[in-house]
Amino acid sequence: PPISAAAIRALRRRLGVLPTYHQVDTCAAEFEAYTPYLYSSYESECEAPPSDRPKVIILGGGPNRIGQGIEFDYCCCHASFALQDMGYETIMVNCNPETVSTDYDTSDRLYFEPLTLEDVIHICERELGGGKQETGDTEIGDQEIGDRRSSDAGPPRSNLPISQSPNPPVGVIVQYGGQTPLNLAAGLQAAGVPILGTQPEAIDLAEDRDRFSELLRRLEIPAPDHGIARNTEEAIAIAERIGYPVVVRPSYVLGGRAMAIVDDAASLRQYMAEAVSVAGETPMAQGGLAVLIDQFLEDAYEVDVDAICDGQRLVIGGILQHIEEAGIHSGDSACVLPPYKISNYHLNIIREYTERLGLALGVRGLMNVQYAIKDDVVYVLEVNPRASRTVPFVSKATGAPLAKIAAQVMAGKTLEELGFTEEPQVDGFFVKEAVLPWKKFTGIDALLGPEMRSTGEVMGHASGFGHAFVKSQLGAGARLPTQGGVLITVNDFDKGAALKLARDFHRMGFQLYATPGTGALMEKVGLPVTILAKATAATGSDAYTTLDAMRDGKIQLIINTPLGPDSRSDGAKIRTLATRLE
């Protein structure tokens, strides 16, 4: 039978094969220097004996990539600063030298180590003292951790359990580094490492779709219809029951990785055959990880909420309305704070649902909730009991240091003690816009969806929403034309709104172009428009298509709202060429 990682770890302990930690010599041996930068090796001498101060270990996010970037590093830094102010020794674990959290003055001690369960457990054992020892699937009592340290490496660690040490350490924070450290929470707790803030049970409850759905039913909070499939036939049956389109994704991922909107059974079969867990699991068709299938709320408003809960009271830090419709990943969607198109009635429902969820889950620290509003109903899409990528934006807009406040809450403070008891108000409008890498990947379709693609973000601030939005577009690198041609090709639901836009562009002197369906409606109301054939017009025909007009330099701005698989296919040709010509 296969041997588990825990069994190998226990065997190494019994044999004394454990890492020691060494300082990075920033002075190249020219003269003696002390740095808190540490890395592991399997030599016999250790250069970094742990101190006896109460300490907190903060797990960073690891390498920057789409879906997990500098927003989480911001939270790690602010947590470190807040805990240092409270008198704790802060220990950062991260393996990305590009981040601010790995700067020399951010934490008291830094471990350049991979964010894997084994590496983090070794650091916790060294810094936090004794804990539960693993022996495969069982455990033996608390005992001293052998670490092969030399006699000059400092006093031996106590063999008392962590909770009984004379100078009890605080524990580990997993909320601030995104999904990577969050996935380690249960394993760390099983190894006897104290987790600060929201406990792994609540984290797992929020990710377990069946248990979370039961919680929502008990709290009387609506959610989109859904199901869990472990093979292709189950997925087809669930999708037919829910109705297409559906959103499919594996659980426990960040950035919507391996996520897709599926319009028909053929596309769903293809997804189930190819989709793999981003953690390296086997394909679904080979009995790998199950996929979550959710009803796709087309043409709905989406809302992001960041809040802090101390277990007794929940305070909302900010409510952001997505400018794109529901179904676009929150990291790619432009957001506005405060919401500009949501009624107070719906906002109050969102506040009430957020409070119910935070208290029911036992959240201590930050929490992010995503909602969708469709047909006057507020649905909960997702709850993440951790810092979200919108925390820095909300903190900048409101002036409330959410990451610092949440760190103090995790260390035992209450929101009342910290004086954070009411939702902050903002002056004017703040718009967050995503920076997208289309210019670097000119062959891909520039259609946003549930899988995150952005590589950065900018903020626009003004007294009015329109000016704030324009500032955000300019900041993101978009060139806004002031003359030329505008191509309008929209779905049937958006044609009424498109007419108003067309009139505005006509008054400003733009030449109007449109595809046949949209153009016929413009002609009907008397707007001068040049009708172009669709991009998917038959090859060899004499029709002048949207692509021809774009290549001839007649189009400076495109308004395209696809709906359904056919329109997405036609629009893909337009969007792909647009990114190439930009």
Protein backbone atom coordinates (compact mmCIF):
# COMPACT_ATOMS: atom_id res chain seq x y z
CA PRO A 1 0.00 0.00 0.00
CA PRO A 2 1.16 3.59 -0.56
CA ILE A 3 2.89 5.32 2.34
CA SER A 4 1.42 8.63 3.49
CA ALA A 5 3.42 11.83 3.81
CA ALA A 6 2.61 11.85 7.53
CA ALA A 7 4.19 8.40 7.95
CA ILE A 8 7.36 9.51 6.18
CA ARG A 9 7.46 12.64 8.32
CA ALA A 10 7.14 10.57 11.50
CA LEU A 11 9.93 8.25 10.33
CA ARG A 12 12.26 11.17 9.67
CA ARG A 13 11.60 12.47 13.17
CA ARG A 14 12.47 9.13 14.73
CA LEU A 15 15.68 9.04 12.71
CA GLY A 16 16.52 12.67 13.55
CA VAL A 17 16.41 13.76 9.91
CA LEU A 18 15.11 17.27 10.48
CA PRO A 19 15.99 20.63 8.96
CA THR A 20 18.09 23.30 10.60
CA TYR A 21 17.86 26.98 9.74
CA HIS A 22 20.57 29.36 8.60
CA GLN A 23 20.84 33.10 8.13
CA VAL A 24 21.30 34.76 4.77
CA ASP A 25 24.64 36.59 4.99
CA THR A 26 23.86 40.00 3.52
CA CYS A 27 27.47 41.16 4.05
CA ALA A 28 29.15 38.37 2.05
CA ALA A 29 31.33 37.42 5.07
CA GLU A 30 33.07 40.82 5.00
CA PHE A 31 32.04 41.38 8.62
CA GLU A 32 29.60 39.87 11.05
CA ALA A 33 25.98 40.72 10.32
CA TYR A 34 22.68 39.57 11.71
CA THR A 35 19.67 39.31 9.47
CA PRO A 36 16.31 37.74 10.25
CA TYR A 37 16.33 36.01 6.84
CA LEU A 38 16.37 32.25 7.32
CA TYR A 39 16.44 29.24 5.02
CA SER A 40 16.48 25.53 5.78
CA SER A 41 19.10 22.90 5.15
CA TYR A 42 19.93 19.49 6.57
CA GLU A 43 23.24 20.42 8.16
CA SER A 44 23.95 19.78 11.82
CA GLU A 45 24.32 23.37 13.03
CA CYS A 46 21.45 25.82 13.44
CA GLU A 47 22.08 29.57 13.33
CA ALA A 48 18.68 30.79 14.50
CA PRO A 49 17.53 29.69 17.95
CA PRO A 50 13.93 30.75 18.60
CA SER A 51 13.19 33.39 21.20
CA ASP A 52 10.89 33.09 24.21
CA ARG A 53 8.68 36.02 23.16
CA PRO A 54 4.99 35.43 22.37
CA LYS A 55 4.93 35.11 18.63
CA VAL A 56 2.64 34.89 15.64
CA ILE A 57 3.52 33.10 12.42
CA ILE A 58 1.99 34.66 9.28
CA LEU A 59 1.79 32.52 6.16
CA GLY A 60 2.26 34.49 2.94
CA GLY A 61 0.93 33.75 -0.50
CA GLY A 62 4.01 32.38 -2.25
CA PRO A 63 4.69 33.20 -5.91
CA ASN A 64 2.63 35.89 -7.60
CA ARG A 65 0.35 34.51 -10.29
CA ILE A 66 -2.99 35.29 -11.83
CA GLY A 67 -5.53 34.91 -9.04
CA GLN A 68 -3.14 35.47 -6.18
CA GLY A 69 -1.01 38.58 -6.17
CA ILE A 70 0.22 41.56 -4.22
CA GLU A 71 -3.20 42.24 -2.65
CA PHE A 72 -2.62 39.37 -0.26
CA ASP A 73 0.92 40.52 0.44
CA TYR A 74 -0.53 43.88 1.49
CA CYS A 75 -2.65 42.07 4.07
CA CYS A 76 0.32 40.07 5.39
CA CYS A 77 2.37 43.25 5.88
CA HIS A 78 -0.39 45.11 7.69
CA ALA A 79 -1.02 42.11 9.93
CA SER A 80 2.67 42.02 10.85
CA PHE A 81 2.74 45.74 11.67
CA ALA A 82 -0.41 45.51 13.80
CA LEU A 83 0.83 42.52 15.79
CA GLN A 84 4.24 44.12 16.35
CA ASP A 85 2.45 47.14 17.81
CA MET A 86 0.71 44.73 20.21
CA GLY A 87 4.08 43.38 21.39
CA TYR A 88 4.20 40.09 19.50
CA GLU A 89 7.19 38.76 17.63
CA THR A 90 6.04 38.34 14.04
CA ILE A 91 7.38 35.55 11.87
CA MET A 92 6.70 35.62 8.14
CA VAL A 93 6.82 32.47 6.03
CA ASN A 94 7.04 33.20 2.32
CA CYS A 95 9.11 32.13 -0.65
CA ASN A 96 8.71 35.14 -2.92
CA PRO A 97 11.54 37.70 -2.70
CA GLU A 98 9.56 40.15 -4.88
CA THR A 99 7.00 40.82 -2.16
CA VAL A 100 6.99 43.56 0.47
CA SER A 101 6.35 40.96 3.17
CA THR A 102 9.89 39.66 2.61
CA ASP A 103 11.49 43.07 3.23
CA TYR A 104 13.92 43.29 6.14
CA ASP A 105 11.74 45.62 8.22
CA THR A 106 8.32 43.99 7.74
CA SER A 107 8.59 41.20 10.31
CA ASP A 108 10.90 40.20 13.16
CA ARG A 109 11.90 37.00 11.40
CA LEU A 110 11.46 35.71 7.87
CA TYR A 111 11.62 32.12 6.65
CA PHE A 112 12.26 31.74 2.91
CA GLU A 113 10.48 28.41 2.67
CA PRO A 114 7.90 26.82 0.38
CA LEU A 115 4.34 27.04 1.63
CA THR A 116 3.86 23.31 1.93
CA LEU A 117 2.44 21.50 4.92
CA GLU A 118 5.72 19.76 5.73
CA ASP A 119 7.86 22.91 5.59
CA VAL A 120 5.40 24.97 7.61
CA ILE A 121 5.05 22.26 10.27
CA HIS A 122 8.84 22.19 10.71
CA ILE A 123 8.89 25.97 11.23
CA CYS A 124 5.97 25.82 13.66
CA GLU A 125 7.63 23.06 15.67
CA ARG A 126 10.81 25.10 15.91
CA GLU A 127 9.17 28.42 16.77
CA LEU A 128 6.14 27.28 18.75
CA GLY A 129 7.59 24.35 20.66
CA GLY A 130 6.14 20.87 21.21
CA GLY A 131 2.97 19.64 19.61
CA LYS A 132 1.33 16.46 18.45
CA GLN A 133 3.65 14.03 16.76
CA GLU A 134 2.41 12.13 13.73
CA THR A 135 2.98 8.43 13.23
CA GLY A 136 1.25 7.86 9.96
CA ASP A 137 -2.47 7.90 10.66
CA THR A 138 -2.06 7.91 14.45
CA GLU A 139 -0.37 10.21 16.90
CA ILE A 140 1.66 9.82 20.06
CA GLY A 141 1.66 12.22 22.97
CA ASP A 142 3.28 15.64 23.20
CA GLN A 143 7.03 15.29 23.37
CA GLU A 144 10.21 17.16 22.63
CA ILE A 145 10.95 17.74 18.99
CA GLY A 146 14.42 16.47 18.17
CA ASP A 147 16.16 18.89 15.87
CA ARG A 148 19.86 17.98 15.79
CA ARG A 149 20.84 21.44 17.00
CA SER A 150 24.38 22.05 18.16
CA SER A 151 25.12 22.99 21.78
CA ASP A 152 25.60 26.66 20.91
CA ALA A 153 22.28 26.97 19.10
CA GLY A 154 20.39 28.13 22.18
CA PRO A 155 18.46 26.38 24.95
CA PRO A 156 16.44 23.28 24.10
CA ARG A 157 12.77 23.77 23.42
CA SER A 158 10.24 22.89 26.09
CA ASN A 159 8.63 19.47 25.87
CA LEU A 160 5.35 20.89 27.19
CA PRO A 161 2.33 21.14 24.89
CA ILE A 162 1.99 24.55 23.29
CA SER A 163 -0.93 25.56 25.50
CA GLN A 164 1.06 24.76 28.67
CA SER A 165 4.32 26.53 27.82
CA PRO A 166 5.34 29.19 30.39
CA ASN A 167 5.42 31.84 27.61
CA PRO A 168 2.56 30.65 25.43
CA PRO A 169 2.92 31.61 21.78
CA VAL A 170 -0.14 32.76 19.94
CA GLY A 171 -0.26 30.69 16.78
CA VAL A 172 -0.45 30.82 12.99
CA ILE A 173 -2.46 33.14 10.74
CA VAL A 174 -3.64 31.50 7.51
CA GLN A 175 -6.21 34.12 6.43
CA TYR A 176 -3.95 36.59 4.66
CA GLY A 177 -2.05 34.66 1.99
CA GLY A 178 -4.98 33.67 -0.21
CA GLN A 179 -5.98 30.09 -0.91
CA THR A 180 -2.47 28.63 -0.57
CA PRO A 181 -2.12 28.89 3.24
CA LEU A 182 -5.85 28.38 3.71
CA ASN A 183 -5.47 24.90 2.24
CA LEU A 184 -2.89 24.12 4.95
CA ALA A 185 -5.16 25.03 7.87
CA ALA A 186 -6.66 21.59 8.53
CA GLY A 187 -3.29 19.83 8.27
CA LEU A 188 -1.63 22.31 10.63
CA GLN A 189 -4.41 21.93 13.17
CA ALA A 190 -4.15 18.14 12.97
CA ALA A 191 -0.42 18.48 13.73
CA GLY A 192 -1.21 20.43 16.90
CA VAL A 193 -0.48 23.91 15.55
CA PRO A 194 -2.87 26.55 16.95
CA ILE A 195 -4.69 28.44 14.19
CA LEU A 196 -5.51 32.08 14.87
CA GLY A 197 -8.85 33.50 13.81
CA THR A 198 -11.44 31.50 11.90
CA GLN A 199 -10.94 27.80 12.56
CA PRO A 200 -10.38 25.15 9.86
CA GLU A 201 -13.81 23.64 10.53
CA ALA A 202 -15.48 26.89 9.46
CA ILE A 203 -13.17 27.18 6.44
CA ASP A 204 -14.11 23.66 5.37
CA LEU A 205 -17.81 24.32 5.97
CA ALA A 206 -17.70 27.32 3.63
CA GLU A 207 -16.04 25.20 0.91
CA ASP A 208 -18.14 22.04 1.35
CA ARG A 209 -21.10 22.76 -0.93
CA ASP A 210 -23.49 20.27 0.71
CA ARG A 211 -22.84 21.43 4.26
CA PHE A 212 -22.81 25.09 3.25
CA SER A 213 -26.13 24.70 1.44
CA GLU A 214 -27.62 23.20 4.58
CA LEU A 215 -26.35 26.19 6.56
CA LEU A 216 -27.95 28.58 4.07
CA ARG A 217 -31.26 26.74 4.33
CA ARG A 218 -31.10 26.98 8.10
CA LEU A 219 -30.32 30.70 7.91
CA GLU A 220 -33.06 31.20 5.27
CA ILE A 221 -30.64 32.70 2.75
CA PRO A 222 -31.25 32.02 -0.99
CA ALA A 223 -28.53 30.49 -3.18
CA PRO A 224 -28.47 29.46 -6.85
CA ASP A 225 -29.49 25.88 -7.57
CA HIS A 226 -26.48 23.59 -7.67
CA GLY A 227 -25.15 20.06 -7.52
CA ILE A 228 -21.92 18.09 -7.08
CA ALA A 229 -20.78 15.69 -9.79
CA ARG A 230 -18.14 13.01 -9.56
CA ASN A 231 -18.50 11.75 -13.10
CA THR A 232 -19.76 12.94 -16.46
CA GLU A 233 -23.21 11.35 -16.29
CA GLU A 234 -23.88 12.91 -12.89
CA ALA A 235 -22.83 16.28 -14.30
CA ILE A 236 -25.18 15.97 -17.30
CA ALA A 237 -28.11 15.03 -15.05
CA ILE A 238 -27.46 17.93 -12.67
CA ALA A 239 -27.12 20.45 -15.50
CA GLU A 240 -30.38 19.28 -17.11
CA ARG A 241 -32.15 19.62 -13.77
CA ILE A 242 -30.75 23.10 -13.15
CA GLY A 243 -30.97 24.31 -16.75
CA TYR A 244 -28.20 25.68 -18.98
CA PRO A 245 -26.03 27.73 -18.83
CA VAL A 246 -24.23 26.45 -15.73
CA VAL A 247 -20.99 27.36 -13.97
CA VAL A 248 -18.64 24.43 -13.37
CA ARG A 249 -15.55 24.46 -11.17
CA PRO A 250 -13.46 22.39 -8.77
CA SER A 251 -13.58 23.45 -5.13
CA TYR A 252 -10.75 24.88 -3.02
CA VAL A 253 -9.31 27.05 -5.78
CA LEU A 254 -8.47 30.72 -6.05
CA GLY A 255 -8.81 32.94 -9.07
CA GLY A 256 -11.55 30.77 -10.57
CA ARG A 257 -8.91 28.43 -11.98
CA ALA A 258 -10.36 25.59 -14.11
CA MET A 259 -13.72 27.36 -13.96
CA ALA A 260 -16.06 27.69 -16.96
CA ILE A 261 -19.54 28.68 -18.07
CA VAL A 262 -21.06 25.79 -20.02
CA ASP A 263 -23.96 26.28 -22.44
CA ASP A 264 -24.81 22.73 -23.51
CA ALA A 265 -24.27 19.04 -22.82
CA ALA A 266 -21.50 18.67 -25.41
CA SER A 267 -19.45 21.45 -23.80
CA LEU A 268 -20.04 19.93 -20.38
CA ARG A 269 -18.82 16.52 -21.54
CA GLN A 270 -15.68 18.13 -22.91
CA TYR A 271 -15.08 19.98 -19.62
CA MET A 272 -15.52 16.81 -17.54
CA ALA A 273 -13.12 14.92 -19.80
CA GLU A 274 -10.39 17.55 -19.66
CA ALA A 275 -10.75 19.40 -16.38
CA VAL A 276 -8.12 18.69 -13.77
CA SER A 277 -7.77 19.98 -10.27
CA VAL A 278 -5.33 22.87 -10.09
CA ALA A 279 -3.76 21.04 -7.17
CA GLY A 280 -2.61 18.32 -9.56
CA GLU A 281 -5.42 15.81 -9.12
CA THR A 282 -6.45 13.36 -11.82
CA PRO A 283 -8.91 14.27 -14.58
CA MET A 284 -12.56 14.14 -13.58
CA ALA A 285 -13.21 11.40 -16.10
CA GLN A 286 -10.67 9.21 -14.28
CA GLY A 287 -12.34 9.48 -10.90
CA GLY A 288 -10.59 12.61 -9.69
CA LEU A 289 -11.89 15.48 -7.60
CA ALA A 290 -15.60 16.29 -7.84
CA VAL A 291 -16.81 19.40 -9.63
CA LEU A 292 -19.37 21.91 -8.42
CA ILE A 293 -22.15 22.77 -10.85
CA ASP A 294 -24.11 25.97 -10.22
CA GLN A 295 -26.97 27.70 -11.94
CA PHE A 296 -25.58 30.66 -13.90
CA LEU A 297 -27.53 33.81 -13.04
CA GLU A 298 -27.31 35.52 -16.40
CA ASP A 299 -27.74 39.30 -16.51
CA ALA A 300 -27.62 39.68 -12.71
CA TYR A 301 -25.88 42.33 -10.60
CA GLU A 302 -22.99 41.00 -8.53
CA VAL A 303 -21.84 42.43 -5.20
CA ASP A 304 -18.69 41.89 -3.13
CA VAL A 305 -18.72 42.46 0.63
CA ASP A 306 -15.67 42.64 2.90
CA ALA A 307 -16.39 42.39 6.61
CA ILE A 308 -14.68 41.78 9.95
CA CYS A 309 -16.19 39.60 12.67
CA ASP A 310 -14.94 39.03 16.21
CA GLY A 311 -17.30 36.15 16.94
CA GLN A 312 -19.87 38.39 18.62
CA ARG A 313 -20.20 41.37 16.31
CA LEU A 314 -19.78 41.82 12.57
CA VAL A 315 -18.93 45.13 10.91
CA ILE A 316 -18.96 45.57 7.15
CA GLY A 317 -15.86 47.26 5.75
CA GLY A 318 -17.24 47.93 2.29
CA ILE A 319 -19.91 46.89 -0.22
CA LEU A 320 -18.73 46.92 -3.83
CA GLN A 321 -20.97 46.61 -6.86
CA HIS A 322 -19.49 44.87 -9.88
CA ILE A 323 -19.87 46.89 -13.05
CA GLU A 324 -19.79 43.74 -15.17
CA GLU A 325 -22.65 41.27 -14.81
CA ALA A 326 -22.56 38.24 -12.53
CA GLY A 327 -20.41 35.46 -13.96
CA ILE A 328 -17.31 37.62 -14.44
CA HIS A 329 -14.66 36.72 -11.88
CA SER A 330 -14.53 39.28 -9.07
CA GLY A 331 -10.83 39.85 -9.73
CA ASP A 332 -11.54 40.86 -13.34
CA SER A 333 -14.72 42.85 -12.86
CA ALA A 334 -14.58 46.58 -12.35
CA CYS A 335 -16.13 47.46 -8.98
CA VAL A 336 -17.52 50.66 -7.54
CA LEU A 337 -17.70 51.73 -3.90
CA PRO A 338 -20.33 52.71 -2.86
CA PRO A 339 -22.77 50.81 -5.13
CA TYR A 340 -24.30 53.13 -7.70
CA LYS A 341 -27.21 51.03 -8.97
CA ILE A 342 -28.46 48.95 -6.04
CA SER A 343 -31.41 49.98 -3.90
CA ASN A 344 -31.18 50.54 -0.15
CA TYR A 345 -33.66 47.67 0.21
CA HIS A 346 -31.23 45.21 -1.36
CA LEU A 347 -28.24 46.72 0.47
CA ASN A 348 -29.96 46.19 3.82
CA ILE A 349 -30.69 42.56 2.89
CA ILE A 350 -27.01 42.12 2.01
CA ARG A 351 -25.96 43.57 5.36
CA GLU A 352 -28.35 41.26 7.22
CA TYR A 353 -27.25 38.14 5.32
CA THR A 354 -23.57 38.97 5.87
CA GLU A 355 -24.07 39.29 9.61
CA ARG A 356 -25.99 36.00 9.79
CA LEU A 357 -23.26 34.18 7.87
CA GLY A 358 -20.33 35.61 9.83
CA LEU A 359 -21.82 34.76 13.21
CA ALA A 360 -23.06 31.32 12.12
CA LEU A 361 -19.64 30.35 10.73
CA GLY A 362 -17.84 31.65 13.82
CA VAL A 363 -15.63 33.93 11.77
CA ARG A 364 -12.84 35.70 13.65
CA GLY A 365 -11.09 38.08 11.33
CA LEU A 366 -11.85 38.91 7.72
CA MET A 367 -14.63 37.49 5.60
CA ASN A 368 -15.62 38.06 1.97
CA VAL A 369 -19.11 37.30 0.64
CA GLN A 370 -20.19 37.44 -2.99
CA TYR A 371 -23.84 38.06 -3.85
CA ALA A 372 -25.91 38.22 -7.03
CA ILE A 373 -29.15 40.17 -7.40
CA LYS A 374 -31.60 38.89 -10.02
CA ASP A 375 -35.36 39.38 -10.28
CA ASP A 376 -35.41 41.24 -6.96
CA VAL A 377 -33.83 38.28 -5.09
CA VAL A 378 -30.44 38.47 -3.34
CA TYR A 379 -28.51 35.20 -3.76
CA VAL A 380 -25.34 34.16 -1.93
CA LEU A 381 -22.77 32.93 -4.44
CA GLU A 382 -19.77 32.27 -2.21
CA VAL A 383 -18.37 32.90 1.25
CA ASN A 384 -14.61 33.09 1.83
CA PRO A 385 -13.57 33.25 5.51
CA ARG A 386 -10.29 34.97 4.66
CA ALA A 387 -8.85 38.18 3.29
CA SER A 388 -9.98 38.90 -0.24
CA ARG A 389 -8.16 40.71 -3.03
CA THR A 390 -10.47 43.72 -2.54
CA VAL A 391 -9.27 44.43 1.02
CA PRO A 392 -6.50 46.87 -0.04
CA PHE A 393 -8.90 48.74 -2.33
CA VAL A 394 -11.60 49.02 0.35
CA SER A 395 -9.03 50.09 2.94
CA LYS A 396 -7.67 52.83 0.66
CA ALA A 397 -11.15 54.06 -0.23
CA THR A 398 -12.58 54.11 3.30
CA GLY A 399 -9.44 54.87 5.30
CA ALA A 400 -10.19 51.87 7.54
CA PRO A 401 -7.15 49.54 7.82
CA LEU A 402 -9.15 46.31 7.57
CA ALA A 403 -6.17 43.94 7.59
CA LYS A 404 -4.72 45.57 10.73
CA ILE A 405 -8.05 45.57 12.54
CA ALA A 406 -8.68 41.92 11.65
CA ALA A 407 -5.21 40.91 12.87
CA GLN A 408 -5.90 42.54 16.23
CA VAL A 409 -9.23 40.71 16.38
CA MET A 410 -7.46 37.40 15.75
CA ALA A 411 -5.07 38.22 18.59
CA GLY A 412 -7.99 38.57 21.01
CA LYS A 413 -9.26 42.14 20.69
CA THR A 414 -12.95 42.88 20.13
CA LEU A 415 -14.26 45.29 17.52
CA GLU A 416 -15.70 47.42 20.30
CA GLU A 417 -12.30 47.66 21.99
CA LEU A 418 -10.80 48.72 18.67
CA GLY A 419 -13.50 51.35 18.08
CA PHE A 420 -14.56 49.79 14.77
CA THR A 421 -18.29 49.37 15.21
CA GLU A 422 -19.90 50.98 12.14
CA GLU A 423 -19.61 50.57 8.39
CA PRO A 424 -17.25 53.29 7.05
CA GLN A 425 -18.68 55.91 4.70
CA VAL A 426 -16.82 57.27 1.68
CA ASP A 427 -16.64 60.63 -0.04
CA GLY A 428 -17.56 60.35 -3.72
CA PHE A 429 -17.08 57.21 -5.81
CA PHE A 430 -14.12 54.83 -5.99
CA VAL A 431 -13.80 52.53 -9.01
CA LYS A 432 -11.45 49.53 -9.12
CA GLU A 433 -10.55 48.48 -12.65
CA ALA A 434 -8.61 45.38 -13.62
CA VAL A 435 -5.45 45.55 -15.73
CA LEU A 436 -5.66 42.80 -18.33
CA PRO A 437 -2.77 41.24 -20.29
CA TRP A 438 -4.44 41.08 -23.72
CA LYS A 439 -1.50 42.81 -25.41
CA LYS A 440 0.82 40.06 -24.20
CA PHE A 441 -1.50 37.25 -25.36
CA THR A 442 -2.94 38.53 -28.62
CA GLY A 443 -4.25 35.16 -29.77
CA ILE A 444 -6.76 34.66 -26.97
CA ASP A 445 -10.36 35.81 -26.76
CA ALA A 446 -10.66 38.97 -24.67
CA LEU A 447 -13.96 37.81 -23.17
CA LEU A 448 -14.10 37.92 -19.40
CA GLY A 449 -15.58 34.95 -17.57
CA PRO A 450 -15.39 33.02 -14.30
CA GLU A 451 -11.65 32.29 -14.63
CA MET A 452 -9.48 35.21 -13.53
CA ARG A 453 -7.12 36.73 -16.10
CA SER A 454 -6.13 40.16 -14.79
CA THR A 455 -2.60 40.90 -13.62
CA GLY A 456 -3.17 44.14 -11.72
CA GLU A 457 -5.66 46.83 -10.77
CA VAL A 458 -6.01 50.60 -10.58
CA MET A 459 -8.28 53.01 -8.71
CA GLY A 460 -10.27 55.97 -9.98
CA HIS A 461 -11.78 58.51 -7.55
CA ALA A 462 -14.15 61.37 -8.28
CA SER A 463 -17.28 63.00 -6.90
CA GLY A 464 -19.38 61.35 -9.63
CA PHE A 465 -19.44 57.76 -10.85
CA GLY A 466 -18.82 58.63 -14.51
CA HIS A 467 -15.66 60.63 -13.85
CA ALA A 468 -14.34 57.98 -11.44
CA PHE A 469 -14.92 55.28 -14.06
CA VAL A 470 -13.12 57.26 -16.78
CA LYS A 471 -10.15 57.81 -14.47
CA SER A 472 -9.98 54.08 -13.79
CA GLN A 473 -10.00 53.31 -17.54
CA LEU A 474 -7.19 55.76 -18.20
CA GLY A 475 -5.23 54.35 -15.29
CA ALA A 476 -5.63 50.82 -16.67
CA GLY A 477 -4.16 51.93 -20.00
CA ALA A 478 -7.35 52.10 -22.07
CA ARG A 479 -7.30 54.68 -24.85
CA LEU A 480 -10.69 56.38 -25.08
CA PRO A 481 -11.29 57.74 -28.61
CA THR A 482 -12.90 61.14 -29.10
CA GLN A 483 -13.79 60.65 -32.77
CA GLY A 484 -14.04 58.00 -35.48
CA GLY A 485 -16.26 54.94 -35.76
CA VAL A 486 -18.00 52.90 -33.07
CA LEU A 487 -19.13 49.33 -33.73
CA ILE A 488 -22.18 48.24 -31.73
CA THR A 489 -23.08 44.54 -31.67
CA VAL A 490 -25.14 43.52 -28.65
CA ASN A 491 -27.52 40.78 -27.58
CA ASP A 492 -31.29 41.22 -27.68
CA PHE A 493 -31.55 42.08 -23.97
CA ASP A 494 -29.16 45.03 -24.38
CA LYS A 495 -30.52 46.55 -27.58
CA GLY A 496 -32.70 49.08 -25.78
CA ALA A 497 -29.75 50.40 -23.80
CA ALA A 498 -27.60 50.30 -26.94
CA LEU A 499 -29.97 52.70 -28.71
CA LYS A 500 -29.41 55.34 -26.05
CA LEU A 501 -25.64 54.88 -26.36
CA ALA A 502 -25.87 55.10 -30.14
CA ARG A 503 -27.74 58.42 -29.93
CA ASP A 504 -25.08 59.79 -27.58
CA PHE A 505 -22.25 58.72 -29.89
CA HIS A 506 -24.06 60.17 -32.90
CA ARG A 507 -24.45 63.53 -31.13
CA MET A 508 -20.71 63.50 -30.38
CA GLY A 509 -19.93 63.05 -34.07
CA PHE A 510 -19.03 59.34 -34.18
CA GLN A 511 -19.86 57.24 -37.24
CA LEU A 512 -22.14 54.34 -36.24
CA TYR A 513 -21.50 50.76 -37.39
CA ALA A 514 -23.54 47.72 -36.35
CA THR A 515 -24.23 44.08 -37.13
CA PRO A 516 -27.55 43.30 -38.88
CA GLY A 517 -29.76 42.73 -35.83
CA THR A 518 -28.57 45.79 -33.91
CA GLY A 519 -28.35 47.91 -37.06
CA ALA A 520 -31.94 47.20 -38.10
CA LEU A 521 -33.18 48.55 -34.78
CA MET A 522 -31.07 51.71 -35.19
CA GLU A 523 -32.47 52.31 -38.66
CA LYS A 524 -35.97 51.84 -37.30
CA VAL A 525 -35.52 54.78 -34.90
CA GLY A 526 -33.88 56.95 -37.55
CA LEU A 527 -30.21 56.69 -36.59
CA PRO A 528 -27.70 56.81 -39.47
CA VAL A 529 -25.81 53.52 -39.33
CA THR A 530 -23.61 51.42 -41.60
CA ILE A 531 -24.63 47.77 -41.31
CA LEU A 532 -21.78 45.27 -41.50
CA ALA A 533 -21.95 41.53 -42.02
CA LYS A 534 -21.12 39.36 -39.02
CA ALA A 535 -17.57 38.18 -38.55
CA THR A 536 -18.74 34.62 -39.18
CA ALA A 537 -20.11 35.43 -42.66
CA ALA A 538 -19.50 32.66 -45.18
CA THR A 539 -15.97 32.57 -46.53
CA GLY A 540 -15.78 33.72 -50.12
CA SER A 541 -18.84 35.96 -49.97
CA ASP A 542 -18.64 39.60 -51.04
CA ALA A 543 -20.12 40.84 -47.75
CA TYR A 544 -18.18 43.59 -46.00
CA THR A 545 -17.76 42.27 -42.45
CA THR A 546 -16.97 43.77 -39.09
CA LEU A 547 -13.45 42.37 -39.41
CA ASP A 548 -12.95 44.11 -42.75
CA ALA A 549 -13.99 47.46 -41.26
CA MET A 550 -11.63 46.96 -38.33
CA ARG A 551 -8.69 46.13 -40.61
CA ASP A 552 -9.45 49.21 -42.71
CA GLY A 553 -9.16 51.44 -39.63
CA LYS A 554 -12.81 52.50 -39.59
CA ILE A 555 -13.54 51.26 -36.06
CA GLN A 556 -12.05 53.00 -33.00
CA LEU A 557 -14.40 51.67 -30.31
CA ILE A 558 -16.36 48.41 -29.97
CA ILE A 559 -19.41 47.75 -27.80
CA ASN A 560 -20.02 44.00 -27.69
CA THR A 561 -22.25 42.07 -25.27
CA PRO A 562 -22.34 38.36 -26.21
CA LEU A 563 -25.06 36.02 -25.01
CA GLY A 564 -25.07 32.30 -25.70
CA PRO A 565 -22.53 30.11 -27.50
CA ASP A 566 -23.22 31.34 -31.05
CA SER A 567 -22.78 35.02 -30.23
CA ARG A 568 -19.67 34.26 -28.20
CA SER A 569 -18.18 32.53 -31.23
CA ASP A 570 -18.94 35.50 -33.51
CA GLY A 571 -17.79 38.05 -30.95
CA ALA A 572 -14.58 36.11 -30.32
CA LYS A 573 -13.33 36.93 -33.81
CA ILE A 574 -14.05 40.64 -33.24
CA ARG A 575 -12.42 40.72 -29.81
CA THR A 576 -9.35 38.76 -30.87
CA LEU A 577 -8.71 41.05 -33.83
CA ALA A 578 -9.33 44.14 -31.68
CA THR A 579 -6.60 43.17 -29.22
CA ARG A 580 -4.24 42.51 -32.12
CA LEU A 581 -4.91 45.90 -33.73
CA GLU A 582 -4.86 47.94 -30.51
